[in-house]
N, C-alpha and C. Protein backbone atom coordinates (compact mmCIF):
# COMPACT_ATOMS: atom_id res chain seq x y z
N LYS A 1 2.65 34.88 1.66
CA LYS A 1 1.92 33.65 1.33
C LYS A 1 2.12 32.63 2.45
N LYS A 2 1.05 32.03 2.88
CA LYS A 2 1.13 30.98 3.91
C LYS A 2 1.60 29.68 3.29
N LYS A 3 2.36 28.94 4.07
CA LYS A 3 2.81 27.62 3.64
C LYS A 3 1.94 26.57 4.32
N VAL A 4 1.50 25.60 3.56
CA VAL A 4 0.63 24.55 4.07
C VAL A 4 1.35 23.21 3.93
N ILE A 5 1.43 22.48 5.03
CA ILE A 5 2.07 21.16 5.04
C ILE A 5 1.00 20.10 5.26
N ALA A 6 0.97 19.11 4.38
CA ALA A 6 0.07 17.97 4.55
C ALA A 6 0.84 16.89 5.31
N ILE A 7 0.28 16.41 6.40
CA ILE A 7 0.92 15.34 7.18
C ILE A 7 0.09 14.07 7.01
N ILE A 8 0.74 13.04 6.50
CA ILE A 8 0.06 11.76 6.27
C ILE A 8 0.64 10.71 7.21
N PRO A 9 -0.09 10.34 8.26
CA PRO A 9 0.39 9.27 9.14
C PRO A 9 0.07 7.91 8.51
N ALA A 10 1.07 7.05 8.44
CA ALA A 10 0.89 5.73 7.82
C ALA A 10 1.54 4.66 8.69
N ARG A 11 1.03 4.50 9.88
CA ARG A 11 1.59 3.53 10.82
C ARG A 11 1.33 2.11 10.35
N ALA A 12 2.32 1.27 10.50
CA ALA A 12 2.18 -0.15 10.16
C ALA A 12 1.62 -0.89 11.37
N GLY A 13 1.01 -2.01 11.13
CA GLY A 13 0.55 -2.87 12.23
C GLY A 13 -0.80 -2.50 12.80
N SER A 14 -1.74 -2.10 11.95
CA SER A 14 -3.08 -1.76 12.42
C SER A 14 -3.77 -3.01 12.98
N LYS A 15 -4.47 -2.84 14.08
CA LYS A 15 -5.20 -3.96 14.67
C LYS A 15 -6.62 -4.06 14.10
N ARG A 16 -7.20 -2.91 13.72
CA ARG A 16 -8.57 -2.93 13.21
C ARG A 16 -8.64 -3.31 11.73
N LEU A 17 -7.67 -2.84 10.94
CA LEU A 17 -7.69 -3.11 9.50
C LEU A 17 -6.34 -3.71 9.11
N LYS A 18 -6.29 -5.03 9.09
CA LYS A 18 -5.04 -5.75 8.79
C LYS A 18 -4.55 -5.41 7.39
N ASP A 19 -3.24 -5.19 7.27
CA ASP A 19 -2.59 -4.90 6.00
C ASP A 19 -3.27 -3.75 5.26
N LYS A 20 -3.51 -2.66 5.99
CA LYS A 20 -4.24 -1.53 5.41
C LYS A 20 -3.47 -0.82 4.31
N ASN A 21 -2.17 -1.06 4.21
CA ASN A 21 -1.40 -0.45 3.14
C ASN A 21 -1.29 -1.38 1.93
N SER A 22 -2.26 -2.27 1.79
CA SER A 22 -2.29 -3.13 0.62
C SER A 22 -2.81 -2.32 -0.57
N GLU A 23 -2.79 -2.93 -1.73
CA GLU A 23 -3.18 -2.20 -2.94
C GLU A 23 -4.68 -2.16 -3.14
N VAL A 24 -5.15 -1.00 -3.59
CA VAL A 24 -6.54 -0.77 -3.98
C VAL A 24 -6.48 -0.14 -5.35
N LEU A 25 -7.00 -0.82 -6.36
CA LEU A 25 -6.94 -0.34 -7.74
C LEU A 25 -5.50 -0.05 -8.18
N GLN A 26 -4.61 -0.98 -7.95
CA GLN A 26 -3.20 -0.97 -8.35
C GLN A 26 -2.33 0.06 -7.61
N LYS A 27 -2.83 0.68 -6.55
CA LYS A 27 -2.03 1.62 -5.76
C LYS A 27 -2.29 1.35 -4.28
N THR A 28 -1.26 1.60 -3.46
CA THR A 28 -1.45 1.47 -2.02
C THR A 28 -2.23 2.69 -1.51
N LEU A 29 -2.83 2.55 -0.34
CA LEU A 29 -3.59 3.65 0.22
C LEU A 29 -2.72 4.88 0.47
N VAL A 30 -1.49 4.66 0.89
CA VAL A 30 -0.60 5.80 1.13
C VAL A 30 -0.24 6.48 -0.19
N THR A 31 -0.12 5.73 -1.27
CA THR A 31 0.14 6.32 -2.58
C THR A 31 -1.01 7.21 -3.01
N TRP A 32 -2.24 6.74 -2.81
CA TRP A 32 -3.42 7.55 -3.14
C TRP A 32 -3.40 8.86 -2.35
N ALA A 33 -3.07 8.78 -1.07
CA ALA A 33 -3.05 9.98 -0.23
C ALA A 33 -1.96 10.95 -0.68
N ILE A 34 -0.77 10.43 -0.98
CA ILE A 34 0.34 11.28 -1.42
C ILE A 34 -0.01 11.96 -2.74
N GLU A 35 -0.50 11.20 -3.70
CA GLU A 35 -0.83 11.78 -5.00
C GLU A 35 -1.91 12.85 -4.90
N SER A 36 -2.89 12.62 -4.05
CA SER A 36 -3.95 13.62 -3.86
C SER A 36 -3.39 14.89 -3.25
N ALA A 37 -2.52 14.75 -2.27
CA ALA A 37 -1.91 15.92 -1.63
C ALA A 37 -1.04 16.70 -2.62
N LEU A 38 -0.28 15.99 -3.45
CA LEU A 38 0.60 16.65 -4.41
C LEU A 38 -0.19 17.37 -5.50
N LYS A 39 -1.37 16.87 -5.83
CA LYS A 39 -2.20 17.51 -6.85
C LYS A 39 -2.87 18.79 -6.34
N SER A 40 -2.99 18.91 -5.05
CA SER A 40 -3.68 20.07 -4.47
C SER A 40 -2.86 21.34 -4.66
N CYS A 41 -3.51 22.38 -5.10
CA CYS A 41 -2.82 23.67 -5.25
C CYS A 41 -2.70 24.39 -3.91
N MET A 42 -3.31 23.87 -2.87
CA MET A 42 -3.27 24.49 -1.54
C MET A 42 -2.10 23.99 -0.69
N ILE A 43 -1.52 22.86 -1.06
CA ILE A 43 -0.48 22.22 -0.24
C ILE A 43 0.90 22.48 -0.84
N ASP A 44 1.83 22.95 0.00
CA ASP A 44 3.20 23.22 -0.44
C ASP A 44 4.13 22.04 -0.21
N THR A 45 3.94 21.33 0.90
CA THR A 45 4.84 20.24 1.29
C THR A 45 4.02 19.06 1.80
N VAL A 46 4.47 17.85 1.46
CA VAL A 46 3.83 16.64 1.95
C VAL A 46 4.82 15.91 2.85
N LEU A 47 4.41 15.63 4.08
CA LEU A 47 5.23 14.94 5.07
C LEU A 47 4.52 13.63 5.43
N VAL A 48 5.22 12.52 5.25
CA VAL A 48 4.66 11.21 5.59
C VAL A 48 5.41 10.68 6.80
N THR A 49 4.67 10.25 7.82
CA THR A 49 5.28 9.65 9.00
C THR A 49 4.86 8.18 9.06
N SER A 50 5.83 7.32 9.32
CA SER A 50 5.53 5.89 9.39
C SER A 50 6.67 5.14 10.06
N ASN A 51 6.35 3.97 10.53
CA ASN A 51 7.35 3.06 11.08
C ASN A 51 7.56 1.87 10.13
N SER A 52 7.12 2.03 8.89
CA SER A 52 7.15 0.95 7.91
C SER A 52 8.21 1.20 6.84
N LYS A 53 9.05 0.22 6.60
CA LYS A 53 10.04 0.30 5.52
C LYS A 53 9.35 0.31 4.16
N ARG A 54 8.22 -0.37 4.05
CA ARG A 54 7.47 -0.39 2.79
C ARG A 54 6.96 1.01 2.45
N VAL A 55 6.45 1.72 3.42
CA VAL A 55 5.96 3.08 3.20
C VAL A 55 7.13 4.00 2.86
N GLU A 56 8.26 3.79 3.52
CA GLU A 56 9.46 4.59 3.22
C GLU A 56 9.88 4.40 1.76
N LYS A 57 9.83 3.16 1.29
CA LYS A 57 10.18 2.87 -0.10
C LYS A 57 9.20 3.54 -1.06
N ILE A 58 7.93 3.53 -0.73
CA ILE A 58 6.92 4.19 -1.56
C ILE A 58 7.19 5.69 -1.63
N CYS A 59 7.51 6.28 -0.48
CA CYS A 59 7.76 7.73 -0.42
C CYS A 59 8.99 8.13 -1.24
N SER A 60 9.95 7.24 -1.33
CA SER A 60 11.19 7.56 -2.06
C SER A 60 10.93 7.75 -3.56
N LYS A 61 9.79 7.28 -4.04
CA LYS A 61 9.46 7.43 -5.45
C LYS A 61 8.96 8.85 -5.79
N PHE A 62 8.62 9.62 -4.76
CA PHE A 62 8.10 10.96 -4.97
C PHE A 62 9.15 11.99 -4.56
N LYS A 63 9.47 12.90 -5.45
CA LYS A 63 10.51 13.89 -5.20
C LYS A 63 10.09 14.94 -4.17
N LYS A 64 8.82 15.27 -4.09
CA LYS A 64 8.37 16.36 -3.22
C LYS A 64 7.82 15.88 -1.89
N VAL A 65 8.11 14.65 -1.53
CA VAL A 65 7.61 14.08 -0.28
C VAL A 65 8.76 13.95 0.72
N ILE A 66 8.51 14.40 1.95
CA ILE A 66 9.47 14.26 3.03
C ILE A 66 9.05 13.08 3.89
N PHE A 67 9.98 12.21 4.20
CA PHE A 67 9.68 11.05 5.05
C PHE A 67 10.43 11.19 6.33
């Protein structure tokens, strides 16, 4: 069986979209991405990369997410 890793880049400090990790419908954009990846039956591991402490805190709430 092949292993599939989802990589979610969530860099802080976007110049085009200020505060892009703000909430949309009571969840941050990175939360939406993580939850979608975890629901997929095709993905074995979710890896989030970021330079943001806020994103790191969000990732700590999910047991199957590597930060």
